[in-house]
Structure formats: structure tokens, C-alpha cells
Protein backbone atom coordinates (compact mmCIF):
# COMPACT_ATOMS: atom_id res chain seq x y z
CA MET A 1 -6.69 -3.26 -2.70
CA SER A 2 -4.99 -6.80 -4.10
CA SER A 3 -4.94 -10.09 -2.13
CA GLY A 4 -1.31 -9.40 -1.62
CA SER A 5 -1.57 -6.37 -0.04
CA LEU A 6 -1.00 -6.23 4.31
CA ARG A 7 -3.85 -3.88 4.52
CA TRP A 8 -5.94 -6.33 2.98
CA ARG A 9 -5.05 -8.98 4.93
CA LEU A 10 -5.30 -6.91 8.27
CA MET A 11 -8.60 -5.82 7.17
CA LEU A 12 -9.80 -9.16 5.86
CA GLY A 13 -8.59 -10.50 9.40
CA ALA A 14 -10.00 -8.02 11.69
CA ALA A 15 -13.07 -8.13 9.90
CA ALA A 16 -13.50 -12.17 10.13
CA THR A 17 -12.67 -12.18 13.91
CA MET A 18 -14.99 -8.88 14.40
CA LEU A 19 -18.14 -11.12 12.78
CA VAL A 20 -17.03 -14.19 14.60
CA THR A 21 -17.08 -12.23 17.77
CA LEU A 22 -20.19 -10.33 17.66
CA THR A 23 -21.99 -13.32 16.26
CA LEU A 24 -20.70 -15.36 19.58
CA ALA A 25 -22.07 -12.14 21.51
CA LEU A 26 -25.62 -12.48 19.48
CA LEU A 27 -25.88 -15.81 20.60
CA ALA A 28 -24.58 -15.55 24.15
CA MET A 29 -26.78 -12.14 24.88
CA SER A 30 -29.94 -14.01 23.31
CA LEU A 31 -29.60 -16.84 25.84
CA LEU A 32 -28.71 -14.26 28.68
CA PHE A 33 -32.61 -12.27 27.72
CA SER A 34 -34.37 -15.54 27.42
CA ARG A 35 -32.57 -16.74 31.10
CA HIS A 36 -34.15 -13.29 32.09
CA ILE A 37 -37.54 -13.23 31.09
CA GLU A 38 -37.81 -16.75 32.07
CA ARG A 39 -37.07 -15.77 36.01
CA ARG A 40 -38.83 -12.51 35.60
CA VAL A 41 -42.19 -14.66 34.75
CA ALA A 42 -41.14 -17.39 37.24
CA GLU A 43 -40.71 -15.37 40.22
CA ASP A 44 -44.09 -13.33 38.97
CA LEU A 45 -45.96 -16.50 39.55
CA GLN A 46 -44.61 -17.37 42.69
CA ARG A 47 -45.79 -14.26 43.79
CA GLU A 48 -49.04 -15.44 42.94
CA ALA A 49 -49.01 -18.59 43.76
CA LEU A 50 -47.72 -17.62 47.37
CA ARG A 51 -51.15 -15.20 47.61
CA ILE A 52 -53.27 -18.08 46.76
CA VAL A 53 -51.56 -20.42 49.20
CA ALA A 54 -51.65 -18.03 52.00
CA SER A 55 -55.61 -18.27 51.68
CA LEU A 56 -55.87 -21.94 50.80
CA HIS A 57 -58.40 -24.16 52.02
CA VAL A 58 -60.47 -27.58 51.70
CA ASP A 59 -64.70 -26.80 51.81
CA GLU A 60 -66.84 -29.49 53.04
CA ALA A 61 -66.80 -31.72 49.67
CA GLY A 62 -62.93 -32.08 50.41
CA LEU A 63 -62.21 -29.63 46.93
CA PRO A 64 -59.27 -27.18 47.24
CA GLN A 65 -60.32 -23.38 47.46
CA SER A 66 -57.99 -20.30 48.04
CA GLY A 67 -60.14 -17.02 48.59
CA ALA A 68 -56.99 -14.97 47.55
CA ASN A 69 -58.20 -11.98 45.20
CA VAL A 70 -56.15 -12.38 42.07
CA SER A 71 -56.11 -9.20 40.21
CA ASP A 72 -54.65 -9.91 36.75
CA PRO A 73 -57.59 -10.50 34.67
CA ARG A 74 -56.06 -13.14 32.26
CA TYR A 75 -57.05 -15.27 35.06
CA ASP A 76 -60.72 -15.19 34.22
CA THR A 77 -60.52 -14.98 30.52
CA PRO A 78 -61.19 -18.21 28.98
CA ALA A 79 -57.46 -18.72 26.99
CA GLY A 80 -56.50 -15.77 28.60
CA GLY A 81 -52.58 -16.96 29.03
CA ARG A 82 -52.32 -17.71 32.83
CA TYR A 83 -54.18 -20.12 34.64
CA TRP A 84 -53.82 -21.60 38.05
CA GLN A 85 -55.47 -25.63 39.11
CA LEU A 86 -55.62 -27.13 42.86
CA THR A 87 -55.74 -30.36 43.06
CA SER A 88 -56.00 -33.13 45.80
CA MET A 89 -57.51 -36.68 46.08
CA ALA A 90 -61.29 -35.11 45.98
CA GLY A 91 -60.60 -33.51 42.35
CA ALA A 92 -59.36 -30.11 41.35
CA SER A 93 -60.30 -26.38 41.47
CA ARG A 94 -59.56 -24.11 38.37
CA SER A 95 -59.32 -20.70 37.15
CA LEU A 96 -62.07 -19.17 34.86
CA SER A 97 -59.31 -19.31 32.23
CA LEU A 98 -58.65 -22.71 31.89
CA TRP A 99 -62.78 -23.63 30.92
CA ASP A 100 -62.60 -27.09 30.42
CA GLU A 101 -58.63 -27.67 30.07
CA SER A 102 -56.37 -28.59 32.73
CA LEU A 103 -52.89 -28.32 33.55
CA PRO A 104 -50.64 -31.17 32.61
CA ASP A 105 -49.53 -33.69 35.76
CA PRO A 106 -46.52 -32.88 37.48
CA VAL A 107 -43.11 -34.85 37.15
CA ASP A 108 -42.58 -35.39 40.40
CA ALA A 109 -45.73 -35.39 42.96
CA ASP A 110 -44.35 -35.14 46.28
CA THR A 111 -42.50 -31.88 45.75
CA ASP A 112 -42.43 -29.65 48.21
CA LYS A 113 -40.43 -26.67 46.81
CA TRP A 114 -41.82 -25.00 43.28
CA ARG A 115 -40.18 -25.77 40.49
CA ALA A 116 -40.58 -24.30 37.32
CA ARG A 117 -40.15 -26.06 33.63
CA GLU A 118 -41.60 -25.55 30.04
CA ASP A 119 -44.81 -28.23 28.98
CA ASP A 120 -47.45 -28.25 26.58
CA GLY A 121 -50.12 -26.85 27.95
CA PRO A 122 -53.97 -26.52 27.69
CA PHE A 123 -55.26 -24.64 24.33
CA ASN A 124 -52.19 -26.23 22.18
CA GLN A 125 -50.00 -23.20 24.05
CA ARG A 126 -46.69 -23.53 25.47
CA ILE A 127 -46.45 -22.53 28.54
CA MET A 128 -44.22 -21.63 31.59
CA LEU A 129 -45.55 -24.03 34.68
CA LEU A 130 -44.79 -23.57 38.24
CA GLU A 131 -45.84 -25.96 40.96
CA ARG A 132 -45.43 -27.37 43.94
CA SER A 133 -47.37 -29.64 46.53
CA VAL A 134 -48.46 -28.13 49.75
CA SER A 135 -50.22 -29.99 52.99
CA LEU A 136 -52.64 -28.52 55.15
CA GLU A 137 -53.76 -29.32 58.56
CA GLY A 138 -56.65 -31.85 58.46
CA VAL A 139 -55.84 -32.93 55.17
CA ASP A 140 -54.11 -36.84 54.67
CA ARG A 141 -52.46 -35.81 50.78
CA PRO A 142 -50.82 -32.67 50.13
CA ILE A 143 -52.60 -30.23 47.39
CA ARG A 144 -50.93 -29.83 44.31
CA VAL A 145 -50.62 -25.93 43.53
CA GLN A 146 -50.04 -24.99 39.87
CA LEU A 147 -49.70 -21.75 38.22
CA ALA A 148 -49.21 -21.05 34.63
CA GLN A 149 -48.73 -18.43 31.70
CA ASN A 150 -48.65 -19.12 27.95
CA ILE A 151 -44.88 -18.30 26.76
CA ALA A 152 -45.86 -17.39 22.95
CA ASP A 153 -45.10 -13.60 23.80
CA LEU A 154 -41.84 -14.07 25.59
CA ARG A 155 -40.99 -15.78 22.40
CA ILE A 156 -42.14 -13.09 20.64
CA ALA A 157 -40.36 -10.95 22.69
CA ARG A 158 -37.06 -13.09 22.41
CA ASN A 159 -37.35 -13.31 18.75
CA GLN A 160 -37.85 -9.24 18.16
CA PHE A 161 -35.07 -8.79 20.65
CA ARG A 162 -32.62 -11.05 18.46
CA ARG A 163 -33.44 -9.07 15.50
CA GLU A 164 -32.82 -5.58 17.19
CA LEU A 165 -29.61 -6.75 18.66
CA GLY A 166 -28.52 -8.36 14.98
CA LEU A 167 -28.93 -5.51 13.57
CA PHE A 168 -27.40 -2.89 16.14
CA LEU A 169 -24.48 -5.82 15.81
CA VAL A 170 -24.51 -5.31 12.42
CA ALA A 171 -23.98 -1.73 12.55
CA LEU A 172 -21.48 -2.00 15.69
CA TRP A 173 -19.21 -4.28 12.85
CA LEU A 174 -19.00 -1.92 10.35
CA MET A 175 -18.23 0.95 12.94
CA LEU A 176 -15.48 -1.37 13.79
CA MET A 177 -14.97 -1.74 10.26
CA ALA A 178 -13.84 1.66 9.95
CA ALA A 179 -12.01 1.88 13.13
CA SER A 180 -10.40 -0.83 11.99
CA TRP A 181 -9.46 0.93 8.77
CA VAL A 182 -8.33 4.17 10.46
CA GLN A 183 -5.88 2.04 13.12
CA ILE A 184 -4.76 -0.01 10.08
CA HIS A 185 -4.14 3.15 8.09
CA LEU A 186 -2.01 4.85 11.14
CA GLY A 187 -0.25 1.68 11.87
CA LEU A 188 0.64 1.49 8.56
CA LYS A 189 2.12 5.36 7.73
CA PRO A 190 5.51 4.41 8.79
CA LEU A 191 5.61 1.60 6.31
CA ARG A 192 4.83 4.73 3.45
CA ARG A 193 7.11 6.98 5.00
CA LEU A 194 9.95 4.18 4.61
CA ARG A 195 8.81 3.78 1.14
CA ASN A 196 9.67 7.50 0.82
CA GLU A 197 12.89 7.65 2.30
CA LEU A 198 13.84 4.86 0.47
CA GLU A 199 12.82 6.78 -3.05
CA ARG A 200 14.91 9.80 -1.62
CA MET A 201 18.06 7.07 -0.96
CA ARG A 202 17.55 5.90 -4.44
CA ARG A 203 18.09 9.09 -5.84
CA SER A 204 20.75 10.24 -3.49
CA PRO A 205 22.80 6.76 -2.27
CA THR A 206 24.48 9.12 -0.03
CA GLU A 207 21.61 9.57 2.07
CA ARG A 208 20.07 7.40 5.08
CA LEU A 209 17.13 6.37 6.68
CA ASP A 210 17.43 8.61 9.72
CA GLY A 211 13.51 9.24 10.76
CA ARG A 212 12.03 8.29 13.83
CA TYR A 213 10.01 5.24 13.17
CA PRO A 214 7.94 2.95 15.49
CA SER A 215 10.83 0.14 17.76
CA GLU A 216 9.03 -3.17 15.33
CA VAL A 217 10.15 -0.98 12.11
CA MET A 218 13.70 0.33 13.50
CA PRO A 219 15.64 -2.97 12.52
CA LEU A 220 14.40 -2.69 9.48
CA THR A 221 15.72 0.22 8.70
CA SER A 222 18.96 -0.21 10.18
CA ALA A 223 19.50 -3.43 8.06
CA ILE A 224 18.54 -1.09 5.02
CA ASN A 225 21.14 1.05 6.57
CA ARG A 226 23.82 -0.91 6.13
CA LEU A 227 22.99 -2.76 2.90
CA ALA A 228 23.31 0.81 1.46
CA GLU A 229 26.34 1.49 3.41
CA ALA A 230 27.70 -1.39 1.83
CA ARG A 231 26.48 -1.01 -1.70
CA GLU A 232 28.31 2.28 -1.50
CA ARG A 233 31.57 0.90 -0.26
CA ASP A 234 31.50 -1.87 -2.89
CA VAL A 235 30.45 1.11 -5.73
CA VAL A 236 33.15 3.09 -4.50
CA ARG A 237 35.66 -0.07 -4.94
CA ALA A 238 34.79 -0.84 -8.13
CA ARG A 239 34.78 2.83 -9.56
CA ARG A 240 38.38 2.78 -8.05
CA ARG A 241 39.39 -0.24 -9.27
CA ALA A 242 38.34 0.62 -12.95
CA ALA A 243 40.00 4.70 -12.75
CA ASP A 244 43.39 2.37 -11.20
CA LEU A 245 42.83 0.34 -14.51
CA ALA A 246 42.70 3.15 -16.62
CA HIS A 247 44.99 5.45 -15.25
CA SER A 248 47.79 2.45 -15.38
CA LEU A 249 46.87 1.83 -19.00
CA LYS A 250 47.78 5.24 -20.22
CA THR A 251 51.40 4.95 -19.73
CA PRO A 252 51.99 1.85 -21.81
CA LEU A 253 49.66 3.35 -24.53
CA ALA A 254 51.49 6.60 -24.89
CA ALA A 255 54.96 4.42 -25.56
CA LEU A 256 52.96 2.62 -27.87
CA GLY A 257 52.11 5.66 -29.56
CA ALA A 258 55.95 7.45 -29.55
CA LEU A 259 56.96 3.71 -30.76
CA SER A 260 54.07 4.28 -33.43
CA ARG A 261 55.59 7.66 -34.75
CA ARG A 262 59.31 5.83 -34.42
CA VAL A 263 58.32 3.28 -36.74
CA ARG A 264 56.65 5.20 -39.17
CA ALA A 265 59.84 7.44 -39.19
CA ALA A 266 61.94 4.83 -40.07
CA PRO A 267 60.18 3.97 -42.67
CA GLN A 268 57.73 1.43 -42.06
CA PRO A 269 54.41 2.91 -42.84
CA ALA A 270 52.41 -0.58 -42.52
CA LEU A 271 53.54 -1.59 -38.91
CA ALA A 272 52.60 1.84 -38.11
CA ASP A 273 49.03 1.92 -39.02
CA ASP A 274 48.61 -1.40 -37.95
CA LEU A 275 50.22 0.28 -34.11
CA ASP A 276 47.69 3.13 -34.95
CA ARG A 277 44.92 0.94 -35.15
CA VAL A 278 45.83 -1.30 -31.80
CA LEU A 279 46.08 2.22 -30.20
CA SER A 280 42.67 3.23 -31.22
CA SER A 281 41.32 0.09 -30.64
CA ALA A 282 42.80 0.42 -26.91
CA GLY A 283 42.01 3.97 -26.45
CA ALA A 284 38.34 3.79 -27.68
CA ALA A 285 38.13 0.88 -24.74
CA LEU A 286 40.06 2.40 -22.08
CA GLU A 287 37.58 5.79 -23.29
CA ALA A 288 34.40 3.53 -23.02
CA GLU A 289 35.55 2.00 -19.57
CA LEU A 290 36.04 5.24 -18.13
CA ALA A 291 32.48 6.75 -19.67
CA ARG A 292 30.74 3.93 -17.80
CA SER A 293 31.97 4.52 -14.50
CA ARG A 294 31.18 8.09 -14.82
CA ALA A 295 27.89 7.03 -16.28
CA ALA A 296 27.39 4.81 -13.35
CA ALA A 297 28.10 7.95 -11.13
CA ILE A 298 25.78 10.07 -12.71
CA ARG A 299 22.92 7.74 -12.14
CA ASP A 300 23.49 7.09 -8.53
CA GLN A 301 23.09 11.47 -8.86
CA ILE A 302 19.75 11.57 -10.50
CA GLY A 303 17.63 13.92 -9.05
CA THR A 304 20.03 16.06 -6.79
CA SER A 305 21.47 17.98 -9.95
CA GLU A 306 20.38 20.81 -12.27
CA ALA A 307 22.36 22.41 -14.86
CA ASP A 308 21.71 25.99 -16.34
CA PRO A 309 22.59 25.71 -20.25
CA VAL A 310 22.91 29.55 -20.84
CA GLU A 311 25.66 29.56 -18.97
CA VAL A 312 27.37 26.39 -19.66
CA ALA A 313 27.17 27.15 -23.68
CA ASP A 314 28.46 30.67 -23.98
CA ARG A 315 31.72 29.55 -21.71
CA ILE A 316 32.19 26.38 -24.68
CA VAL A 317 30.97 28.86 -27.48
CA SER A 318 33.49 31.73 -26.26
CA VAL A 319 36.33 29.14 -25.89
CA LEU A 320 35.88 27.79 -29.52
CA GLN A 321 35.59 31.68 -31.09
CA ARG A 322 39.23 32.16 -29.76
CA THR A 323 40.35 28.92 -32.10
CA GLU A 324 41.12 29.32 -35.73
CA ARG A 325 38.21 27.41 -36.69
CA GLY A 326 35.92 28.92 -34.75
CA ALA A 327 37.01 32.37 -35.11
CA GLY A 328 35.40 32.23 -38.77
CA LEU A 329 32.03 31.05 -37.83
CA VAL A 330 29.06 32.73 -36.76
CA TYR A 331 27.80 31.16 -33.09
CA ASP A 332 23.93 31.37 -32.59
CA VAL A 333 23.21 31.02 -29.42
CA ASP A 334 19.04 30.71 -28.31
CA ILE A 335 17.73 29.18 -25.09
CA GLU A 336 15.14 30.37 -23.11
CA GLU A 337 15.81 32.07 -19.82
CA GLY A 338 15.20 29.70 -16.84
CA VAL A 339 15.15 26.62 -18.69
CA ARG A 340 17.21 23.97 -15.90
CA LEU A 341 18.46 20.35 -16.87
CA PRO A 342 18.86 17.81 -14.89
CA ILE A 343 22.38 16.67 -15.29
CA ALA A 344 25.64 18.08 -13.05
CA GLY A 345 27.50 21.40 -14.55
CA ASP A 346 30.58 19.45 -15.10
CA ASP A 347 28.79 16.56 -17.00
CA LEU A 348 26.73 19.10 -19.26
CA MET A 349 30.22 21.10 -19.73
CA GLU A 350 31.35 18.03 -21.56
CA VAL A 351 28.10 17.01 -23.34
CA LEU A 352 27.78 20.39 -25.09
CA GLY A 353 31.76 20.62 -25.26
CA ALA A 354 31.72 17.58 -27.55
CA LEU A 355 28.44 18.43 -29.67
CA ILE A 356 29.52 21.83 -30.36
CA GLU A 357 33.22 21.31 -30.91
CA ASN A 358 32.02 18.49 -33.25
CA ALA A 359 29.78 21.36 -34.86
CA THR A 360 32.52 23.71 -35.36
CA ARG A 361 34.84 21.34 -36.72
CA PHE A 362 32.24 20.47 -39.64
CA ALA A 363 30.19 23.70 -39.93
CA ARG A 364 30.76 25.96 -43.29
CA ARG A 365 29.81 29.16 -41.47
CA GLN A 366 27.05 29.24 -38.91
CA VAL A 367 26.63 27.11 -35.59
CA SER A 368 23.22 27.12 -33.72
CA VAL A 369 22.52 26.11 -30.38
CA ARG A 370 18.92 26.30 -29.09
CA GLY A 371 17.01 25.63 -26.10
CA HIS A 372 13.22 25.46 -25.35
CA ALA A 373 11.09 24.11 -22.47
CA ALA A 374 7.77 22.80 -22.48
CA PRO A 375 5.02 21.16 -20.55
CA GLU A 376 6.11 17.56 -21.19
CA GLY A 377 9.95 18.14 -21.27
CA VAL A 378 13.42 20.65 -21.76
CA GLY A 379 15.66 19.81 -24.50
CA LEU A 380 18.84 21.22 -26.05
CA VAL A 381 19.12 21.19 -30.04
CA VAL A 382 22.86 21.85 -31.55
CA GLU A 383 23.14 21.73 -35.71
CA ASP A 384 25.20 23.13 -37.78
CA ASP A 385 25.33 24.07 -41.73
CA GLY A 386 28.33 20.81 -42.52
CA PRO A 387 28.26 18.61 -45.07
CA GLY A 388 25.48 16.41 -42.64
CA LEU A 389 25.85 12.38 -41.93
CA ASN A 390 27.50 9.86 -44.38
CA ILE A 391 26.50 6.58 -42.43
CA SER A 392 23.92 5.65 -40.86
CA VAL A 393 22.76 6.73 -37.08
CA GLU A 394 23.40 3.69 -35.28
CA GLU A 395 26.76 3.54 -37.14
CA ALA A 396 27.49 7.17 -35.76
CA LEU A 397 26.63 5.98 -32.28
CA GLN A 398 28.68 2.87 -32.34
CA ARG A 399 31.26 3.39 -29.58
CA GLY A 400 34.67 4.16 -31.37
CA GLY A 401 33.38 3.90 -34.98
CA ARG A 402 33.66 6.98 -37.06
CA LEU A 403 31.56 10.84 -37.66
CA ASP A 404 32.19 11.32 -40.93
CA GLU A 405 30.85 14.52 -42.34
CA ALA A 406 33.35 15.78 -43.97
CA GLY A 407 35.72 12.30 -45.38
CA SER A 408 37.46 12.49 -41.99
CA GLY A 409 37.85 12.81 -38.35
CA ASN A 410 37.15 10.16 -35.72
CA HIS A 411 34.12 11.46 -33.27
CA GLY A 412 32.14 8.96 -32.92
CA LEU A 413 33.18 7.92 -29.35
CA GLY A 414 32.55 11.07 -27.99
CA LEU A 415 28.90 11.31 -29.59
CA SER A 416 28.32 7.70 -27.86
CA ILE A 417 30.08 8.80 -24.34
CA ALA A 418 27.27 11.54 -24.65
CA ARG A 419 25.01 9.53 -25.11
CA ASP A 420 26.14 7.29 -22.30
CA ILE A 421 25.85 10.29 -20.21
CA ILE A 422 22.52 11.81 -21.61
CA GLU A 423 20.67 8.36 -21.10
CA ALA A 424 21.85 8.37 -17.15
CA THR A 425 20.19 11.28 -16.23
CA GLN A 426 17.27 9.71 -17.85
CA GLY A 427 17.41 11.80 -21.14
CA THR A 428 17.59 10.79 -24.87
CA LEU A 429 20.01 12.18 -27.76
CA THR A 430 18.61 12.01 -31.63
CA LEU A 431 20.85 12.14 -34.82
CA GLY A 432 19.25 14.25 -37.39
CA LYS A 433 19.68 16.27 -40.76
CA SER A 434 19.09 19.64 -39.77
CA ALA A 435 17.33 22.40 -41.73
CA LEU A 436 20.79 24.31 -42.23
CA GLY A 437 22.19 21.27 -44.17
CA GLY A 438 24.00 19.67 -41.66
CA LEU A 439 23.96 17.56 -38.59
CA ARG A 440 21.23 18.21 -35.85
CA VAL A 441 22.04 16.74 -32.37
CA GLN A 442 19.02 16.94 -29.90
CA LEU A 443 18.96 16.34 -26.60
CA ASP A 444 15.73 15.63 -24.60
CA TRP A 445 14.55 15.40 -20.76
CA PRO A 446 11.08 14.71 -18.87
CA THR A 447 10.25 17.77 -16.83
CA ILE A 448 11.83 18.45 -13.71
CA ARG A 449 10.54 20.78 -11.38
CA GLY A 450 11.62 24.40 -12.15
CA THR A 451 11.41 23.91 -15.79
CA ALA A 452 8.03 25.64 -17.63
């Protein structure tokens, strides 16, 4: 995906958002876990402290003692991790686990409530310390009761929890990314459908976007439909103006033609020749403008029309064989069955009509029309056994130029118009030397559905 892709931007935004959210969740859950286990340790220490306080007394030497039976063996193991200490003015009593060490002095010596805090403890351990001052009858000063636990194991548990939670959240992030990809893919599906609809509109401008789209996309489809309708109206107006112009020029051109004939009969042949050249140029320009208008209409219908070249060629040949020139020629039409060309039947009739008529005009004995289909495309070839081209291919295809195979005639405009029609249907027209000796005109189109 490129950086300009909407899918890429949405995925990147989702990835960043989820990564930040899950990182904050990791920190928050780690903190909650730490608070939870600290409360559990403090509650456990407080339960044991209450048992100690319940049997708290002072011996004959004035030292505080407790007759409670503390079952946790860590209190009886030196540096075992659980400690208790009872302190009075006369001295202190300690659990065996403290050995020669002692618990830290209280921050608030006169507290009468249980207080829990972290502190540096014996044997270089970090401890959770629970403490309180307890007053006994007959004892002048309160006795300080302290219980503690090494929290190294708690830190290990906290780190393990954080590591396992981190791995889980990474896996969750990957799963959420996959879910986001599916969500984005489904969310962008209407845009892919819209693209296909636009391609259909390009091939057939009369089509409109009429599918059901999400409400967020509907304003876009409505705007596209309005734009297509405006474009269609503009094209129709432009073609109408071109047709009106062409038809409005036909009458003056016909009048000039009649004037040329009268001048030539005068006789004034030089002036008549000048008029004929002007008429030829104006007629060529008129036909060219009509051809451009027609080619534009053909481009708008690409992909919507097909023609059977066998039927079209047979109709043209049957007409030409009835003419004086065509009656003396042999027409060889060899087109594979099933070949379909991506062009409207009327347009193919005009193109093939011009090419076969031209071949008939200059052929000596034979005109050949062949058609083929191949994986890469379909094509037609029109050949004759006439004298061939006396001019370059570029000059032959120049609009209004001369296609002179026999030294007379003017058919360059027809070839140029045929080329415009063929190229408007995404085909190509190629001129060359025929194996029969005359002109070879080849038409090619890329493969379309329905062709071999």
C-alpha cells in the first residue's frame, strides 16, 4: 500500500490508536495489580498482628511478650522474610527470623491505627511494614507492634505479571489489527463498487450510478450523476452544433459546384480549376468535422457494441458485384466463423465499404477480404492486385490527400476517416504492400469477449 492510500492511512491511524491505548492499559493494570497484592499483604499482616495483640502482655522484666501461636514458619527462620517486633521502654521482643536485626523506627511513634508502608528492612531487604502503638493496662507507655514482610517476591510476581500481560496485549493488538483490516476492507467496499460503476459509465456514458450506497457515499454518487448528465448535455449540444454547421455548408458548397460547372462551360477552365480546389478543400474540411463528431460518439460507446464482419463484408461485396467495375472482379471473402469486432455494425459498414470500394476501384482481377481471431486480438485484411501505392503511407493517410494507385482518383480522405473510426474503437489501421501486388490494409483490435 502506498502512503497515499486511504486504507493505509486508516490502518496506520488504527494501529497507533490501539498501540497507545493498550500501552496505557498495560501501565494501568500493572499499577492495579501492584496495589492489589500490596493490600493483600497488608491485610494478611494485620490478621496476624491482631492475634499477636490479643495475647500481648509484659513480663516481669517489663519486656512485651505475646502468647500467640504464629503458624507461618518464616517467622522462625533467620531472614525468612516474615518478621515481628514488640517494642517498649524496657526493650524489645523479636521473632527468631530477625536474628540480631531490628525493624525500622516508626515514622509516627504515637499512632494508634494500623499503618502500612514500604521501607528498607533487615538483611538489606525491601519490606512492607505494618505498625501500631497499643496501650495496656498497668503499662505507662504504649507498646509498638510491628510486623513486616519481604516484598522481593511481590516485585518478582509484579514483573512476571507485567511481562505476561505485555505479551497478551501484543497478541491482542495483532488480532485487533487483523479485525481493523477486515473492517476497513468492508468499509471501503462501496468505493470499490463505485469505481466499477464509474468504469461502466466511462464505457457507456448513458449509464448512471443507481446502486444502493451508504448514506455517506450517496452525496458523492449524486454529484457524479449530475456531472455526467451535464457532460452528456454539453456533448449533445456540441454534436448538434457541428451537424448544423455541416449541413448549413452543404447548400453553399453545392451552389459553388454549380457555379464551377458554368464557369468551365463559359469556357474559363483556369477559374473553374480554382473553384474546384476550393470546393475540394471545403468539402474535405466538412467531412473531417463530421468524422470527428462521429468518432467522438464512437468513443463514448466503446465496449457496448459488436459487429459480425462476415455479414457486413458479404453485404458490401453483393452490392459491388452489381456494379460495372465489380462485375469483372473475383471477390475472395475468408473470415473465420465466430469472429466479433468491437465496433458498431454501421461504423464497420462505412469502414469496410470505403476499403473494399477502393480495392474494387484499383484492382485488376482480384479483391481479398480475410478475417482472423487470435489470443492477442482480432483483425481484418483487405487486399487487391492493383498497382499499389505511389506515395508514402503518411501521405496516403493525410486527411484530404491523394491515395493514387493508378494515377487518378482521390480517396485519402476516406482512408483518414476510416482510420479515425478504427482508432476511436481502440483499433489500428496499417497500410502496406499486398502479396497480390496491390495495396494491403490491415485492421486490428485487441481481444474482446466473444473472440477466440
